[in-house]
Amino acid sequence: MFTLKVSGMTCGGCINAVTRAIQAQDPQAKVQADLATQVVSLETSLSLDLAAELITDAGFPVSQ
């Protein structure tokens, strides 16, 4: 499990977009996001770099 700081999430739709981006590559992934802290926690077989890239491609800048 790892966490990423994800900017720009403001609503449930944003969380859904981030979740879909990860689960498109790893359908078994577990994604939890906290809008207040802008932190996404992931349990996935994807690498940290790939997960960050997928979230960024979905329109949400990532920092570690």
PDB file of N, CA and C in Angstrom:
ATOM      1  N   MET A   1       0.846  -1.173   0.000  1.00  0.00           N
ATOM      2  CA  MET A   1       0.000   0.000   0.000  1.00  0.00           C
ATOM      3  C   MET A   1       0.890   1.233   0.000  1.00  0.00           C
ATOM      4  N   PHE A   2       0.480   2.228  -0.747  1.00  0.00           N
ATOM      5  CA  PHE A   2       1.200   3.492  -0.735  1.00  0.00           C
ATOM      6  C   PHE A   2       0.214   4.640  -0.866  1.00  0.00           C
ATOM      7  N   THR A   3       0.699   5.843  -0.568  1.00  0.00           N
ATOM      8  CA  THR A   3      -0.156   7.029  -0.657  1.00  0.00           C
ATOM      9  C   THR A   3       0.482   8.047  -1.588  1.00  0.00           C
ATOM     10  N   LEU A   4      -0.392   8.808  -2.222  1.00  0.00           N
ATOM     11  CA  LEU A   4       0.039   9.874  -3.115  1.00  0.00           C
ATOM     12  C   LEU A   4      -0.723  11.145  -2.774  1.00  0.00           C
ATOM     13  N   LYS A   5      -0.064  12.275  -2.862  1.00  0.00           N
ATOM     14  CA  LYS A   5      -0.709  13.567  -2.723  1.00  0.00           C
ATOM     15  C   LYS A   5      -1.232  13.929  -4.119  1.00  0.00           C
ATOM     16  N   VAL A   6      -2.550  14.101  -4.221  1.00  0.00           N
ATOM     17  CA  VAL A   6      -3.194  14.336  -5.509  1.00  0.00           C
ATOM     18  C   VAL A   6      -3.933  15.674  -5.448  1.00  0.00           C
ATOM     19  N   SER A   7      -3.528  16.609  -6.268  1.00  0.00           N
ATOM     20  CA  SER A   7      -4.129  17.942  -6.277  1.00  0.00           C
ATOM     21  C   SER A   7      -5.361  17.990  -7.168  1.00  0.00           C
ATOM     22  N   GLY A   8      -6.272  18.882  -6.814  1.00  0.00           N
ATOM     23  CA  GLY A   8      -7.400  19.170  -7.690  1.00  0.00           C
ATOM     24  C   GLY A   8      -8.648  18.355  -7.455  1.00  0.00           C
ATOM     25  N   MET A   9      -8.633  17.417  -6.524  1.00  0.00           N
ATOM     26  CA  MET A   9      -9.845  16.642  -6.246  1.00  0.00           C
ATOM     27  C   MET A   9     -10.789  17.488  -5.396  1.00  0.00           C
ATOM     28  N   THR A  10     -12.025  17.665  -5.877  1.00  0.00           N
ATOM     29  CA  THR A  10     -12.971  18.520  -5.159  1.00  0.00           C
ATOM     30  C   THR A  10     -14.307  17.851  -4.872  1.00  0.00           C
ATOM     31  N   CYS A  11     -14.539  16.668  -5.453  1.00  0.00           N
ATOM     32  CA  CYS A  11     -15.867  16.054  -5.291  1.00  0.00           C
ATOM     33  C   CYS A  11     -15.788  14.545  -5.501  1.00  0.00           C
ATOM     34  N   GLY A  12     -16.921  13.902  -5.318  1.00  0.00           N
ATOM     35  CA  GLY A  12     -16.997  12.467  -5.531  1.00  0.00           C
ATOM     36  C   GLY A  12     -16.672  12.070  -6.959  1.00  0.00           C
ATOM     37  N   GLY A  13     -17.013  12.918  -7.901  1.00  0.00           N
ATOM     38  CA  GLY A  13     -16.698  12.630  -9.302  1.00  0.00           C
ATOM     39  C   GLY A  13     -15.194  12.552  -9.537  1.00  0.00           C
ATOM     40  N   CYS A  14     -14.455  13.409  -8.834  1.00  0.00           N
ATOM     41  CA  CYS A  14     -12.994  13.380  -8.936  1.00  0.00           C
ATOM     42  C   CYS A  14     -12.451  12.069  -8.384  1.00  0.00           C
ATOM     43  N   ILE A  15     -12.987  11.654  -7.252  1.00  0.00           N
ATOM     44  CA  ILE A  15     -12.560  10.383  -6.668  1.00  0.00           C
ATOM     45  C   ILE A  15     -12.874   9.239  -7.627  1.00  0.00           C
ATOM     46  N   ASN A  16     -14.042   9.270  -8.233  1.00  0.00           N
ATOM     47  CA  ASN A  16     -14.408   8.229  -9.199  1.00  0.00           C
ATOM     48  C   ASN A  16     -13.460   8.216 -10.387  1.00  0.00           C
ATOM     49  N   ALA A  17     -13.060   9.376 -10.871  1.00  0.00           N
ATOM     50  CA  ALA A  17     -12.149   9.452 -12.011  1.00  0.00           C
ATOM     51  C   ALA A  17     -10.790   8.848 -11.655  1.00  0.00           C
ATOM     52  N   VAL A  18     -10.297   9.155 -10.459  1.00  0.00           N
ATOM     53  CA  VAL A  18      -9.020   8.601 -10.007  1.00  0.00           C
ATOM     54  C   VAL A  18      -9.139   7.078  -9.858  1.00  0.00           C
ATOM     55  N   THR A  19     -10.228   6.632  -9.259  1.00  0.00           N
ATOM     56  CA  THR A  19     -10.451   5.201  -9.067  1.00  0.00           C
ATOM     57  C   THR A  19     -10.522   4.477 -10.405  1.00  0.00           C
ATOM     58  N   ARG A  20     -11.270   5.012 -11.352  1.00  0.00           N
ATOM     59  CA  ARG A  20     -11.384   4.392 -12.678  1.00  0.00           C
ATOM     60  C   ARG A  20     -10.032   4.325 -13.374  1.00  0.00           C
ATOM     61  N   ALA A  21      -9.233   5.376 -13.246  1.00  0.00           N
ATOM     62  CA  ALA A  21      -7.918   5.403 -13.901  1.00  0.00           C
ATOM     63  C   ALA A  21      -7.039   4.265 -13.389  1.00  0.00           C
ATOM     64  N   ILE A  22      -7.066   4.021 -12.080  1.00  0.00           N
ATOM     65  CA  ILE A  22      -6.254   2.949 -11.505  1.00  0.00           C
ATOM     66  C   ILE A  22      -6.851   1.583 -11.842  1.00  0.00           C
ATOM     67  N   GLN A  23      -8.160   1.442 -11.659  1.00  0.00           N
ATOM     68  CA  GLN A  23      -8.786   0.137 -11.860  1.00  0.00           C
ATOM     69  C   GLN A  23      -8.866  -0.267 -13.328  1.00  0.00           C
ATOM     70  N   ALA A  24      -8.651   0.646 -14.246  1.00  0.00           N
ATOM     71  CA  ALA A  24      -8.584   0.271 -15.660  1.00  0.00           C
ATOM     72  C   ALA A  24      -7.362  -0.606 -15.918  1.00  0.00           C
ATOM     73  N   GLN A  25      -6.292  -0.394 -15.148  1.00  0.00           N
ATOM     74  CA  GLN A  25      -5.069  -1.179 -15.293  1.00  0.00           C
ATOM     75  C   GLN A  25      -4.980  -2.317 -14.279  1.00  0.00           C
ATOM     76  N   ASP A  26      -5.628  -2.137 -13.118  1.00  0.00           N
ATOM     77  CA  ASP A  26      -5.617  -3.148 -12.066  1.00  0.00           C
ATOM     78  C   ASP A  26      -7.026  -3.222 -11.464  1.00  0.00           C
ATOM     79  N   PRO A  27      -7.896  -4.037 -12.050  1.00  0.00           N
ATOM     80  CA  PRO A  27      -9.291  -4.097 -11.595  1.00  0.00           C
ATOM     81  C   PRO A  27      -9.451  -4.484 -10.125  1.00  0.00           C
ATOM     82  N   GLN A  28      -8.468  -5.136  -9.536  1.00  0.00           N
ATOM     83  CA  GLN A  28      -8.547  -5.545  -8.133  1.00  0.00           C
ATOM     84  C   GLN A  28      -8.041  -4.474  -7.166  1.00  0.00           C
ATOM     85  N   ALA A  29      -7.564  -3.371  -7.696  1.00  0.00           N
ATOM     86  CA  ALA A  29      -6.988  -2.322  -6.852  1.00  0.00           C
ATOM     87  C   ALA A  29      -8.034  -1.737  -5.907  1.00  0.00           C
ATOM     88  N   LYS A  30      -7.558  -1.384  -4.712  1.00  0.00           N
ATOM     89  CA  LYS A  30      -8.401  -0.690  -3.747  1.00  0.00           C
ATOM     90  C   LYS A  30      -7.902   0.745  -3.667  1.00  0.00           C
ATOM     91  N   VAL A  31      -8.828   1.683  -3.854  1.00  0.00           N
ATOM     92  CA  VAL A  31      -8.482   3.100  -3.883  1.00  0.00           C
ATOM     93  C   VAL A  31      -9.305   3.818  -2.832  1.00  0.00           C
ATOM     94  N   GLN A  32      -8.639   4.563  -1.972  1.00  0.00           N
ATOM     95  CA  GLN A  32      -9.316   5.392  -0.987  1.00  0.00           C
ATOM     96  C   GLN A  32      -8.769   6.800  -1.128  1.00  0.00           C
ATOM     97  N   ALA A  33      -9.679   7.770  -1.191  1.00  0.00           N
ATOM     98  CA  ALA A  33      -9.259   9.157  -1.340  1.00  0.00           C
ATOM     99  C   ALA A  33      -9.888  10.014  -0.254  1.00  0.00           C
ATOM    100  N   ASP A  34      -9.125  10.972   0.211  1.00  0.00           N
ATOM    101  CA  ASP A  34      -9.592  11.923   1.207  1.00  0.00           C
ATOM    102  C   ASP A  34      -9.546  13.311   0.574  1.00  0.00           C
ATOM    103  N   LEU A  35     -10.715  13.889   0.329  1.00  0.00           N
ATOM    104  CA  LEU A  35     -10.774  15.199  -0.316  1.00  0.00           C
ATOM    105  C   LEU A  35     -10.142  16.286   0.556  1.00  0.00           C
ATOM    106  N   ALA A  36     -10.325  16.203   1.857  1.00  0.00           N
ATOM    107  CA  ALA A  36      -9.821  17.247   2.754  1.00  0.00           C
ATOM    108  C   ALA A  36      -8.293  17.327   2.724  1.00  0.00           C
ATOM    109  N   THR A  37      -7.630  16.188   2.699  1.00  0.00           N
ATOM    110  CA  THR A  37      -6.165  16.177   2.717  1.00  0.00           C
ATOM    111  C   THR A  37      -5.563  16.023   1.324  1.00  0.00           C
ATOM    112  N   GLN A  38      -6.411  15.717   0.322  1.00  0.00           N
ATOM    113  CA  GLN A  38      -5.946  15.495  -1.054  1.00  0.00           C
ATOM    114  C   GLN A  38      -4.965  14.325  -1.126  1.00  0.00           C
ATOM    115  N   VAL A  39      -5.232  13.284  -0.330  1.00  0.00           N
ATOM    116  CA  VAL A  39      -4.377  12.099  -0.305  1.00  0.00           C
ATOM    117  C   VAL A  39      -5.157  10.897  -0.819  1.00  0.00           C
ATOM    118  N   VAL A  40      -4.503  10.127  -1.685  1.00  0.00           N
ATOM    119  CA  VAL A  40      -5.075   8.891  -2.211  1.00  0.00           C
ATOM    120  C   VAL A  40      -4.219   7.730  -1.714  1.00  0.00           C
ATOM    121  N   SER A  41      -4.873   6.751  -1.103  1.00  0.00           N
ATOM    122  CA  SER A  41      -4.203   5.531  -0.655  1.00  0.00           C
ATOM    123  C   SER A  41      -4.544   4.408  -1.618  1.00  0.00           C
ATOM    124  N   LEU A  42      -3.545   3.664  -2.022  1.00  0.00           N
ATOM    125  CA  LEU A  42      -3.729   2.613  -3.021  1.00  0.00           C
ATOM    126  C   LEU A  42      -3.196   1.281  -2.526  1.00  0.00           C
ATOM    127  N   GLU A  43      -3.980   0.245  -2.752  1.00  0.00           N
ATOM    128  CA  GLU A  43      -3.512  -1.141  -2.641  1.00  0.00           C
ATOM    129  C   GLU A  43      -3.617  -1.691  -4.053  1.00  0.00           C
ATOM    130  N   THR A  44      -2.481  -1.839  -4.707  1.00  0.00           N
ATOM    131  CA  THR A  44      -2.471  -2.214  -6.113  1.00  0.00           C
ATOM    132  C   THR A  44      -1.193  -2.956  -6.460  1.00  0.00           C
ATOM    133  N   SER A  45      -1.255  -3.706  -7.539  1.00  0.00           N
ATOM    134  CA  SER A  45      -0.060  -4.377  -8.040  1.00  0.00           C
ATOM    135  C   SER A  45       0.740  -3.459  -8.969  1.00  0.00           C
ATOM    136  N   LEU A  46       0.199  -2.288  -9.268  1.00  0.00           N
ATOM    137  CA  LEU A  46       0.893  -1.328 -10.128  1.00  0.00           C
ATOM    138  C   LEU A  46       2.068  -0.713  -9.383  1.00  0.00           C
ATOM    139  N   SER A  47       3.048  -0.272 -10.140  1.00  0.00           N
ATOM    140  CA  SER A  47       4.165   0.437  -9.524  1.00  0.00           C
ATOM    141  C   SER A  47       3.707   1.833  -9.113  1.00  0.00           C
ATOM    142  N   LEU A  48       4.426   2.419  -8.195  1.00  0.00           N
ATOM    143  CA  LEU A  48       4.123   3.773  -7.751  1.00  0.00           C
ATOM    144  C   LEU A  48       4.165   4.748  -8.920  1.00  0.00           C
ATOM    145  N   ASP A  49       5.178   4.623  -9.762  1.00  0.00           N
ATOM    146  CA  ASP A  49       5.327   5.534 -10.902  1.00  0.00           C
ATOM    147  C   ASP A  49       4.170   5.397 -11.890  1.00  0.00           C
ATOM    148  N   LEU A  50       3.759   4.160 -12.176  1.00  0.00           N
ATOM    149  CA  LEU A  50       2.657   3.959 -13.112  1.00  0.00           C
ATOM    150  C   LEU A  50       1.356   4.497 -12.530  1.00  0.00           C
ATOM    151  N   ALA A  51       1.105   4.244 -11.256  1.00  0.00           N
ATOM    152  CA  ALA A  51      -0.112   4.759 -10.622  1.00  0.00           C
ATOM    153  C   ALA A  51      -0.138   6.281 -10.687  1.00  0.00           C
ATOM    154  N   ALA A  52       0.993   6.918 -10.394  1.00  0.00           N
ATOM    155  CA  ALA A  52       1.070   8.377 -10.453  1.00  0.00           C
ATOM    156  C   ALA A  52       0.818   8.878 -11.873  1.00  0.00           C
ATOM    157  N   GLU A  53       1.371   8.189 -12.849  1.00  0.00           N
ATOM    158  CA  GLU A  53       1.175   8.573 -14.250  1.00  0.00           C
ATOM    159  C   GLU A  53      -0.294   8.450 -14.656  1.00  0.00           C
ATOM    160  N   LEU A  54      -0.944   7.371 -14.256  1.00  0.00           N
ATOM    161  CA  LEU A  54      -2.354   7.168 -14.607  1.00  0.00           C
ATOM    162  C   LEU A  54      -3.241   8.250 -13.986  1.00  0.00           C
ATOM    163  N   ILE A  55      -2.961   8.612 -12.742  1.00  0.00           N
ATOM    164  CA  ILE A  55      -3.747   9.644 -12.078  1.00  0.00           C
ATOM    165  C   ILE A  55      -3.507  10.999 -12.727  1.00  0.00           C
ATOM    166  N   THR A  56      -2.245  11.285 -13.058  1.00  0.00           N
ATOM    167  CA  THR A  56      -1.928  12.539 -13.738  1.00  0.00           C
ATOM    168  C   THR A  56      -2.615  12.601 -15.092  1.00  0.00           C
ATOM    169  N   ASP A  57      -2.604  11.506 -15.837  1.00  0.00           N
ATOM    170  CA  ASP A  57      -3.270  11.453 -17.134  1.00  0.00           C
ATOM    171  C   ASP A  57      -4.765  11.656 -17.017  1.00  0.00           C
ATOM    172  N   ALA A  58      -5.343  11.319 -15.848  1.00  0.00           N
ATOM    173  CA  ALA A  58      -6.767  11.534 -15.614  1.00  0.00           C
ATOM    174  C   ALA A  58      -7.068  12.995 -15.274  1.00  0.00           C
ATOM    175  N   GLY A  59      -6.014  13.798 -15.147  1.00  0.00           N
ATOM    176  CA  GLY A  59      -6.218  15.230 -14.935  1.00  0.00           C
ATOM    177  C   GLY A  59      -5.937  15.734 -13.535  1.00  0.00           C
ATOM    178  N   PHE A  60      -5.271  14.916 -12.731  1.00  0.00           N
ATOM    179  CA  PHE A  60      -5.018  15.293 -11.336  1.00  0.00           C
ATOM    180  C   PHE A  60      -3.509  15.213 -11.065  1.00  0.00           C
ATOM    181  N   PRO A  61      -2.858  16.345 -10.867  1.00  0.00           N
ATOM    182  CA  PRO A  61      -1.411  16.354 -10.612  1.00  0.00           C
ATOM    183  C   PRO A  61      -1.067  15.586  -9.337  1.00  0.00           C
ATOM    184  N   VAL A  62       0.014  14.824  -9.403  1.00  0.00           N
ATOM    185  CA  VAL A  62       0.432  13.970  -8.289  1.00  0.00           C
ATOM    186  C   VAL A  62       1.805  14.407  -7.796  1.00  0.00           C
ATOM    187  N   SER A  63       1.953  14.402  -6.478  1.00  0.00           N
ATOM    188  CA  SER A  63       3.273  14.549  -5.865  1.00  0.00           C
ATOM    189  C   SER A  63       3.390  13.455  -4.809  1.00  0.00           C
ATOM    190  N   GLN A  64       4.615  13.076  -4.500  1.00  0.00           N
ATOM    191  CA  GLN A  64       4.818  11.971  -3.558  1.00  0.00           C
ATOM    192  C   GLN A  64       5.252  12.493  -2.281  1.00  0.00           C
TER     193      GLN A  64
END
